[in-house]
Amino acid sequence: MAQASGADYIFKIVLTGDSGVGKSCLLSRFTRNEFSLESRSTIGVEFSTKEIQMEGKTVKVQIWDTAGQERFMAITKAYYRNALGALVVFDLLKLSSFQNLDQWYNEVRANAGADCSVILIGNKADQRHIRAVQYEDAKRYADERNIPFIETSALDATNVEQAFRTLITDIYRHWAARMDAMRDDSISTSLPPSMTKPGIKLDDHPNNPSTTTTAKPCCNSS
């Protein structure tokens, strides 16, 4: 895997949604291909990275996993800024997490902007036989906002890679012309800070948080 200094592009994306919907498990499955039933609720924001190849280019993805508890909203809002993409996640087994989607979707739009690529994720598809949210309802919600909808399972890895890859591909296609224009100093200043030239150290990143977890266990949690 290429080092940070060898990356052609750096994308910042965020995971958002209610606490307990499985955001941290999705992140762990995508970045490390791991899943733990002992996952804990996120405090504030957690951070991970992964490098992927796209059209012969190395893309470094910086993924910010935001806490779903309301008490952390003041902290997590700042981490939406300059994000090029967002996975808005709900729990297929928990109707309230679907009913609360407007809160998270509107936070992304208000803080990351209209150009931020968004995908709606219905997680825990491995238990779809006891689902509380019907596919048609979630698909309608996504269609009304002109965003894709994908059902995933962090537990058995169903569609997790596809969901992240779909988002990253959409970002790449949306920003490709502007990213290539970074080589022109007169244009590069108009690009989002999350697309700064490769070689940035994570310790120097202005939004680099401490990553901690609570002691409260919650299976398939945020």
C-alpha atoms as a PDB file:
ATOM      1  CA  MET A   1       0.000   0.000   0.000  1.00  0.00           C
ATOM      2  CA  ALA A   2       1.310   3.424  -0.964  1.00  0.00           C
ATOM      3  CA  GLN A   3       2.440   5.866   1.668  1.00  0.00           C
ATOM      4  CA  ALA A   4       0.558   9.144   2.224  1.00  0.00           C
ATOM      5  CA  SER A   5       3.224  11.013   0.289  1.00  0.00           C
ATOM      6  CA  GLY A   6       2.508   8.761  -2.694  1.00  0.00           C
ATOM      7  CA  ALA A   7      -1.232   9.401  -2.814  1.00  0.00           C
ATOM      8  CA  ASP A   8      -2.533  11.283  -5.820  1.00  0.00           C
ATOM      9  CA  TYR A   9      -5.685  12.536  -4.072  1.00  0.00           C
ATOM     10  CA  ILE A  10      -6.951  12.800  -0.513  1.00  0.00           C
ATOM     11  CA  PHE A  11     -10.712  12.558   0.109  1.00  0.00           C
ATOM     12  CA  LYS A  12     -12.418  13.343   3.395  1.00  0.00           C
ATOM     13  CA  ILE A  13     -15.687  11.525   4.039  1.00  0.00           C
ATOM     14  CA  VAL A  14     -17.908  11.235   7.121  1.00  0.00           C
ATOM     15  CA  LEU A  15     -20.187   8.601   8.612  1.00  0.00           C
ATOM     16  CA  THR A  16     -23.274   9.972  10.330  1.00  0.00           C
ATOM     17  CA  GLY A  17     -26.555   8.746  11.804  1.00  0.00           C
ATOM     18  CA  ASP A  18     -28.133   7.750  15.113  1.00  0.00           C
ATOM     19  CA  SER A  19     -26.115   6.042  17.820  1.00  0.00           C
ATOM     20  CA  GLY A  20     -26.186   2.266  17.529  1.00  0.00           C
ATOM     21  CA  VAL A  21     -26.839   2.002  13.787  1.00  0.00           C
ATOM     22  CA  GLY A  22     -23.433   0.417  13.125  1.00  0.00           C
ATOM     23  CA  LYS A  23     -21.271   3.259  11.813  1.00  0.00           C
ATOM     24  CA  SER A  24     -18.113   2.169  13.614  1.00  0.00           C
ATOM     25  CA  CYS A  25     -18.644  -1.428  12.519  1.00  0.00           C
ATOM     26  CA  LEU A  26     -19.017  -0.343   8.893  1.00  0.00           C
ATOM     27  CA  LEU A  27     -15.786   1.645   9.204  1.00  0.00           C
ATOM     28  CA  SER A  28     -13.954  -1.304  10.754  1.00  0.00           C
ATOM     29  CA  ARG A  29     -15.244  -3.687   8.098  1.00  0.00           C
ATOM     30  CA  PHE A  30     -14.195  -1.417   5.235  1.00  0.00           C
ATOM     31  CA  THR A  31     -10.788  -0.336   6.511  1.00  0.00           C
ATOM     32  CA  ARG A  32      -9.634  -3.520   8.287  1.00  0.00           C
ATOM     33  CA  ASN A  33     -12.150  -6.183   7.225  1.00  0.00           C
ATOM     34  CA  GLU A  34     -12.942  -6.749  10.895  1.00  0.00           C
ATOM     35  CA  PHE A  35     -16.142  -6.972  12.915  1.00  0.00           C
ATOM     36  CA  SER A  36     -16.559  -7.065  16.674  1.00  0.00           C
ATOM     37  CA  LEU A  37     -19.692  -7.704  18.713  1.00  0.00           C
ATOM     38  CA  GLU A  38     -17.960  -5.774  21.502  1.00  0.00           C
ATOM     39  CA  SER A  39     -18.037  -2.502  19.591  1.00  0.00           C
ATOM     40  CA  ARG A  40     -18.533   0.546  21.831  1.00  0.00           C
ATOM     41  CA  SER A  41     -20.375   3.804  21.270  1.00  0.00           C
ATOM     42  CA  THR A  42     -18.227   6.498  19.710  1.00  0.00           C
ATOM     43  CA  ILE A  43     -17.311   9.560  21.765  1.00  0.00           C
ATOM     44  CA  GLY A  44     -17.049  12.658  19.601  1.00  0.00           C
ATOM     45  CA  VAL A  45     -15.306  11.513  16.425  1.00  0.00           C
ATOM     46  CA  GLU A  46     -13.113   8.583  15.434  1.00  0.00           C
ATOM     47  CA  PHE A  47     -10.772   8.557  12.475  1.00  0.00           C
ATOM     48  CA  SER A  48      -9.391   5.990  10.066  1.00  0.00           C
ATOM     49  CA  THR A  49      -7.814   5.913   6.600  1.00  0.00           C
ATOM     50  CA  LYS A  50      -7.611   3.613   3.620  1.00  0.00           C
ATOM     51  CA  GLU A  51      -5.887   3.845   0.267  1.00  0.00           C
ATOM     52  CA  ILE A  52      -7.538   2.515  -2.873  1.00  0.00           C
ATOM     53  CA  GLN A  53      -6.694   2.494  -6.558  1.00  0.00           C
ATOM     54  CA  MET A  54      -8.986   4.264  -9.004  1.00  0.00           C
ATOM     55  CA  GLU A  55      -8.269   4.639 -12.709  1.00  0.00           C
ATOM     56  CA  GLY A  56      -4.562   4.200 -12.068  1.00  0.00           C
ATOM     57  CA  LYS A  57      -4.542   6.806  -9.289  1.00  0.00           C
ATOM     58  CA  THR A  58      -3.938   6.267  -5.569  1.00  0.00           C
ATOM     59  CA  VAL A  59      -6.748   7.763  -3.510  1.00  0.00           C
ATOM     60  CA  LYS A  60      -6.269   8.161   0.225  1.00  0.00           C
ATOM     61  CA  VAL A  61      -9.626   8.236   2.011  1.00  0.00           C
ATOM     62  CA  GLN A  62      -9.820   9.918   5.403  1.00  0.00           C
ATOM     63  CA  ILE A  63     -12.971   8.600   7.123  1.00  0.00           C
ATOM     64  CA  TRP A  64     -14.476  10.400  10.106  1.00  0.00           C
ATOM     65  CA  ASP A  65     -16.927   8.387  12.210  1.00  0.00           C
ATOM     66  CA  THR A  66     -19.162  10.817  14.108  1.00  0.00           C
ATOM     67  CA  ALA A  67     -20.991  10.077  17.357  1.00  0.00           C
ATOM     68  CA  GLY A  68     -24.759   9.767  17.107  1.00  0.00           C
ATOM     69  CA  GLN A  69     -25.617  11.014  20.583  1.00  0.00           C
ATOM     70  CA  GLU A  70     -27.197  14.462  20.712  1.00  0.00           C
ATOM     71  CA  ARG A  71     -24.815  15.638  23.434  1.00  0.00           C
ATOM     72  CA  PHE A  72     -21.917  15.428  20.985  1.00  0.00           C
ATOM     73  CA  MET A  73     -23.577  17.444  18.216  1.00  0.00           C
ATOM     74  CA  ALA A  74     -21.653  20.632  19.010  1.00  0.00           C
ATOM     75  CA  ILE A  75     -18.390  18.702  18.623  1.00  0.00           C
ATOM     76  CA  THR A  76     -19.220  16.661  15.557  1.00  0.00           C
ATOM     77  CA  LYS A  77     -20.689  19.480  13.442  1.00  0.00           C
ATOM     78  CA  ALA A  78     -17.215  20.842  12.782  1.00  0.00           C
ATOM     79  CA  TYR A  79     -16.116  17.548  11.245  1.00  0.00           C
ATOM     80  CA  TYR A  80     -18.650  17.757   8.427  1.00  0.00           C
ATOM     81  CA  ARG A  81     -16.901  20.835   7.068  1.00  0.00           C
ATOM     82  CA  ASN A  82     -14.849  20.252   3.921  1.00  0.00           C
ATOM     83  CA  ALA A  83     -16.118  16.669   3.629  1.00  0.00           C
ATOM     84  CA  LEU A  84     -16.441  15.576   0.008  1.00  0.00           C
ATOM     85  CA  GLY A  85     -18.731  12.659   0.832  1.00  0.00           C
ATOM     86  CA  ALA A  86     -21.015  11.284   3.538  1.00  0.00           C
ATOM     87  CA  LEU A  87     -22.615   7.962   4.386  1.00  0.00           C
ATOM     88  CA  VAL A  88     -25.891   8.678   6.201  1.00  0.00           C
ATOM     89  CA  VAL A  89     -26.656   5.476   8.104  1.00  0.00           C
ATOM     90  CA  PHE A  90     -29.807   4.080   9.700  1.00  0.00           C
ATOM     91  CA  ASP A  91     -30.661   0.729  11.287  1.00  0.00           C
ATOM     92  CA  LEU A  92     -33.066  -1.416   9.247  1.00  0.00           C
ATOM     93  CA  LEU A  93     -34.312  -2.910  12.527  1.00  0.00           C
ATOM     94  CA  LYS A  94     -34.971   0.399  14.283  1.00  0.00           C
ATOM     95  CA  LEU A  95     -37.697   2.641  12.862  1.00  0.00           C
ATOM     96  CA  SER A  96     -36.665   5.673  14.934  1.00  0.00           C
ATOM     97  CA  SER A  97     -33.217   5.720  13.261  1.00  0.00           C
ATOM     98  CA  PHE A  98     -34.992   6.052   9.908  1.00  0.00           C
ATOM     99  CA  GLN A  99     -37.386   8.695  11.215  1.00  0.00           C
ATOM    100  CA  ASN A 100     -34.389  10.740  12.417  1.00  0.00           C
ATOM    101  CA  LEU A 101     -32.668  10.793   9.021  1.00  0.00           C
ATOM    102  CA  ASP A 102     -33.647  14.381   8.255  1.00  0.00           C
ATOM    103  CA  GLN A 103     -31.568  15.569  11.199  1.00  0.00           C
ATOM    104  CA  TRP A 104     -28.410  13.904   9.878  1.00  0.00           C
ATOM    105  CA  TYR A 105     -28.991  14.611   6.207  1.00  0.00           C
ATOM    106  CA  ASN A 106     -29.650  18.292   6.919  1.00  0.00           C
ATOM    107  CA  GLU A 107     -26.518  18.492   9.094  1.00  0.00           C
ATOM    108  CA  VAL A 108     -24.437  17.221   6.181  1.00  0.00           C
ATOM    109  CA  ARG A 109     -25.980  19.672   3.744  1.00  0.00           C
ATOM    110  CA  ALA A 110     -25.682  22.601   6.168  1.00  0.00           C
ATOM    111  CA  ASN A 111     -22.062  21.948   7.100  1.00  0.00           C
ATOM    112  CA  ALA A 112     -20.518  20.093   4.152  1.00  0.00           C
ATOM    113  CA  GLY A 113     -22.482  21.846   1.415  1.00  0.00           C
ATOM    114  CA  ALA A 114     -24.615  20.974  -1.586  1.00  0.00           C
ATOM    115  CA  ASP A 115     -21.617  19.553  -3.498  1.00  0.00           C
ATOM    116  CA  CYS A 116     -20.974  16.853  -0.880  1.00  0.00           C
ATOM    117  CA  SER A 117     -21.734  13.399  -2.316  1.00  0.00           C
ATOM    118  CA  VAL A 118     -24.195  11.510  -0.095  1.00  0.00           C
ATOM    119  CA  ILE A 119     -25.307   7.870   0.050  1.00  0.00           C
ATOM    120  CA  LEU A 120     -28.107   6.536   2.268  1.00  0.00           C
ATOM    121  CA  ILE A 121     -27.172   3.309   4.053  1.00  0.00           C
ATOM    122  CA  GLY A 122     -29.605   0.870   5.673  1.00  0.00           C
ATOM    123  CA  ASN A 123     -27.399  -1.288   7.912  1.00  0.00           C
ATOM    124  CA  LYS A 124     -27.901  -4.750   9.510  1.00  0.00           C
ATOM    125  CA  ALA A 125     -29.271  -6.327   6.338  1.00  0.00           C
ATOM    126  CA  ASP A 126     -28.218  -9.734   7.684  1.00  0.00           C
ATOM    127  CA  GLN A 127     -31.340  -9.465   9.892  1.00  0.00           C
ATOM    128  CA  ARG A 128     -33.677  -8.108   7.224  1.00  0.00           C
ATOM    129  CA  HIS A 129     -36.247 -10.797   8.090  1.00  0.00           C
ATOM    130  CA  ILE A 130     -37.111  -8.755  11.209  1.00  0.00           C
ATOM    131  CA  ARG A 131     -36.718  -5.373   9.568  1.00  0.00           C
ATOM    132  CA  ALA A 132     -38.705  -2.379  10.788  1.00  0.00           C
ATOM    133  CA  VAL A 133     -37.977  -0.209   7.739  1.00  0.00           C
ATOM    134  CA  GLN A 134     -39.191  -1.408   4.359  1.00  0.00           C
ATOM    135  CA  TYR A 135     -36.925  -1.155   1.323  1.00  0.00           C
ATOM    136  CA  GLU A 136     -39.520   0.813  -0.630  1.00  0.00           C
ATOM    137  CA  ASP A 137     -39.759   3.511   2.075  1.00  0.00           C
ATOM    138  CA  ALA A 138     -35.990   3.959   2.297  1.00  0.00           C
ATOM    139  CA  LYS A 139     -35.633   3.977  -1.498  1.00  0.00           C
ATOM    140  CA  ARG A 140     -38.333   6.630  -1.751  1.00  0.00           C
ATOM    141  CA  TYR A 141     -36.523   8.772   0.830  1.00  0.00           C
ATOM    142  CA  ALA A 142     -33.295   8.516  -1.164  1.00  0.00           C
ATOM    143  CA  ASP A 143     -34.960   9.147  -4.514  1.00  0.00           C
ATOM    144  CA  GLU A 144     -36.626  12.303  -3.205  1.00  0.00           C
ATOM    145  CA  ARG A 145     -33.142  13.644  -2.407  1.00  0.00           C
ATOM    146  CA  ASN A 146     -31.535  12.265  -5.550  1.00  0.00           C
ATOM    147  CA  ILE A 147     -29.057  10.105  -3.623  1.00  0.00           C
ATOM    148  CA  PRO A 148     -28.297   6.351  -3.876  1.00  0.00           C
ATOM    149  CA  PHE A 149     -29.608   3.851  -1.314  1.00  0.00           C
ATOM    150  CA  ILE A 150     -27.715   0.678  -0.391  1.00  0.00           C
ATOM    151  CA  GLU A 151     -28.518  -1.956   2.245  1.00  0.00           C
ATOM    152  CA  THR A 152     -25.428  -3.269   4.059  1.00  0.00           C
ATOM    153  CA  SER A 153     -24.343  -5.622   6.795  1.00  0.00           C
ATOM    154  CA  ALA A 154     -21.161  -4.913   8.703  1.00  0.00           C
ATOM    155  CA  LEU A 155     -21.494  -8.348  10.321  1.00  0.00           C
ATOM    156  CA  ASP A 156     -21.291 -10.436   7.135  1.00  0.00           C
ATOM    157  CA  ALA A 157     -19.763  -7.681   4.921  1.00  0.00           C
ATOM    158  CA  THR A 158     -22.744  -7.488   2.554  1.00  0.00           C
ATOM    159  CA  ASN A 159     -22.354  -4.453   0.259  1.00  0.00           C
ATOM    160  CA  VAL A 160     -19.948  -2.643   2.636  1.00  0.00           C
ATOM    161  CA  GLU A 161     -17.142  -2.406   0.087  1.00  0.00           C
ATOM    162  CA  GLN A 162     -19.687  -1.499  -2.595  1.00  0.00           C
ATOM    163  CA  ALA A 163     -21.151   1.322  -0.489  1.00  0.00           C
ATOM    164  CA  PHE A 164     -17.806   2.985   0.191  1.00  0.00           C
ATOM    165  CA  ARG A 165     -16.571   2.419  -3.360  1.00  0.00           C
ATOM    166  CA  THR A 166     -19.766   3.909  -4.799  1.00  0.00           C
ATOM    167  CA  LEU A 167     -19.306   7.032  -2.700  1.00  0.00           C
ATOM    168  CA  ILE A 168     -15.602   7.364  -3.483  1.00  0.00           C
ATOM    169  CA  THR A 169     -16.242   6.868  -7.210  1.00  0.00           C
ATOM    170  CA  ASP A 170     -18.906   9.573  -7.179  1.00  0.00           C
ATOM    171  CA  ILE A 171     -16.507  11.960  -5.441  1.00  0.00           C
ATOM    172  CA  TYR A 172     -13.753  11.126  -7.902  1.00  0.00           C
ATOM    173  CA  ARG A 173     -15.952  11.752 -10.925  1.00  0.00           C
ATOM    174  CA  HIS A 174     -17.398  14.939  -9.456  1.00  0.00           C
ATOM    175  CA  TRP A 175     -14.044  16.482  -8.596  1.00  0.00           C
ATOM    176  CA  ALA A 176     -11.735  14.945 -11.223  1.00  0.00           C
ATOM    177  CA  ALA A 177     -11.465  18.058 -13.391  1.00  0.00           C
ATOM    178  CA  ARG A 178     -10.883  20.314 -10.385  1.00  0.00           C
ATOM    179  CA  MET A 179      -8.365  17.921  -8.831  1.00  0.00           C
ATOM    180  CA  ASP A 180      -6.341  17.825 -12.035  1.00  0.00           C
ATOM    181  CA  ALA A 181      -6.460  21.622 -12.054  1.00  0.00           C
ATOM    182  CA  MET A 182      -4.601  21.650  -8.712  1.00  0.00           C
ATOM    183  CA  ARG A 183      -1.415  21.707 -10.718  1.00  0.00           C
ATOM    184  CA  ASP A 184      -2.338  25.263 -11.673  1.00  0.00           C
ATOM    185  CA  ASP A 185      -1.720  27.434  -8.600  1.00  0.00           C
ATOM    186  CA  SER A 186      -4.232  29.997  -9.763  1.00  0.00           C
ATOM    187  CA  ILE A 187      -7.016  27.389  -9.554  1.00  0.00           C
ATOM    188  CA  SER A 188      -5.951  25.164  -6.661  1.00  0.00           C
ATOM    189  CA  THR A 189      -6.914  27.734  -4.059  1.00  0.00           C
ATOM    190  CA  SER A 190     -10.595  27.200  -4.919  1.00  0.00           C
ATOM    191  CA  LEU A 191     -10.503  23.499  -3.993  1.00  0.00           C
ATOM    192  CA  PRO A 192     -11.773  22.151  -0.658  1.00  0.00           C
ATOM    193  CA  PRO A 193      -9.090  21.836   2.062  1.00  0.00           C
ATOM    194  CA  SER A 194      -9.819  18.087   2.224  1.00  0.00           C
ATOM    195  CA  MET A 195      -8.204  17.784  -1.198  1.00  0.00           C
ATOM    196  CA  THR A 196      -4.864  19.309  -0.259  1.00  0.00           C
ATOM    197  CA  LYS A 197      -1.837  17.894  -2.005  1.00  0.00           C
ATOM    198  CA  PRO A 198      -0.635  14.503  -0.756  1.00  0.00           C
ATOM    199  CA  GLY A 199       2.124  14.425   1.816  1.00  0.00           C
ATOM    200  CA  ILE A 200       0.103  16.007   4.636  1.00  0.00           C
ATOM    201  CA  LYS A 201       0.849  14.395   7.983  1.00  0.00           C
ATOM    202  CA  LEU A 202      -2.175  13.180   9.912  1.00  0.00           C
ATOM    203  CA  ASP A 203      -0.781  14.745  13.097  1.00  0.00           C
ATOM    204  CA  ASP A 204      -0.810  18.097  11.335  1.00  0.00           C
ATOM    205  CA  HIS A 205      -4.388  17.759  10.084  1.00  0.00           C
ATOM    206  CA  PRO A 206      -6.469  20.567  11.627  1.00  0.00           C
ATOM    207  CA  ASN A 207      -9.334  18.190  12.382  1.00  0.00           C
ATOM    208  CA  ASN A 208      -7.342  15.278  13.806  1.00  0.00           C
ATOM    209  CA  PRO A 209      -9.178  14.192  17.017  1.00  0.00           C
ATOM    210  CA  SER A 210      -8.308  11.818  19.813  1.00  0.00           C
ATOM    211  CA  THR A 211     -10.108   8.540  19.293  1.00  0.00           C
ATOM    212  CA  THR A 212     -11.746   7.031  22.327  1.00  0.00           C
ATOM    213  CA  THR A 213     -14.732   4.851  23.082  1.00  0.00           C
ATOM    214  CA  THR A 214     -17.174   4.515  25.941  1.00  0.00           C
ATOM    215  CA  ALA A 215     -17.366   1.470  28.168  1.00  0.00           C
ATOM    216  CA  LYS A 216     -20.991   0.889  27.144  1.00  0.00           C
ATOM    217  CA  PRO A 217     -21.239  -2.192  24.928  1.00  0.00           C
ATOM    218  CA  CYS A 218     -23.642  -2.198  22.026  1.00  0.00           C
ATOM    219  CA  CYS A 219     -23.584  -4.827  19.317  1.00  0.00           C
ATOM    220  CA  ASN A 220     -23.392  -3.459  15.758  1.00  0.00           C
ATOM    221  CA  SER A 221     -23.197  -0.022  17.362  1.00  0.00           C
ATOM    222  CA  SER A 222     -22.160   3.336  16.035  1.00  0.00           C
END
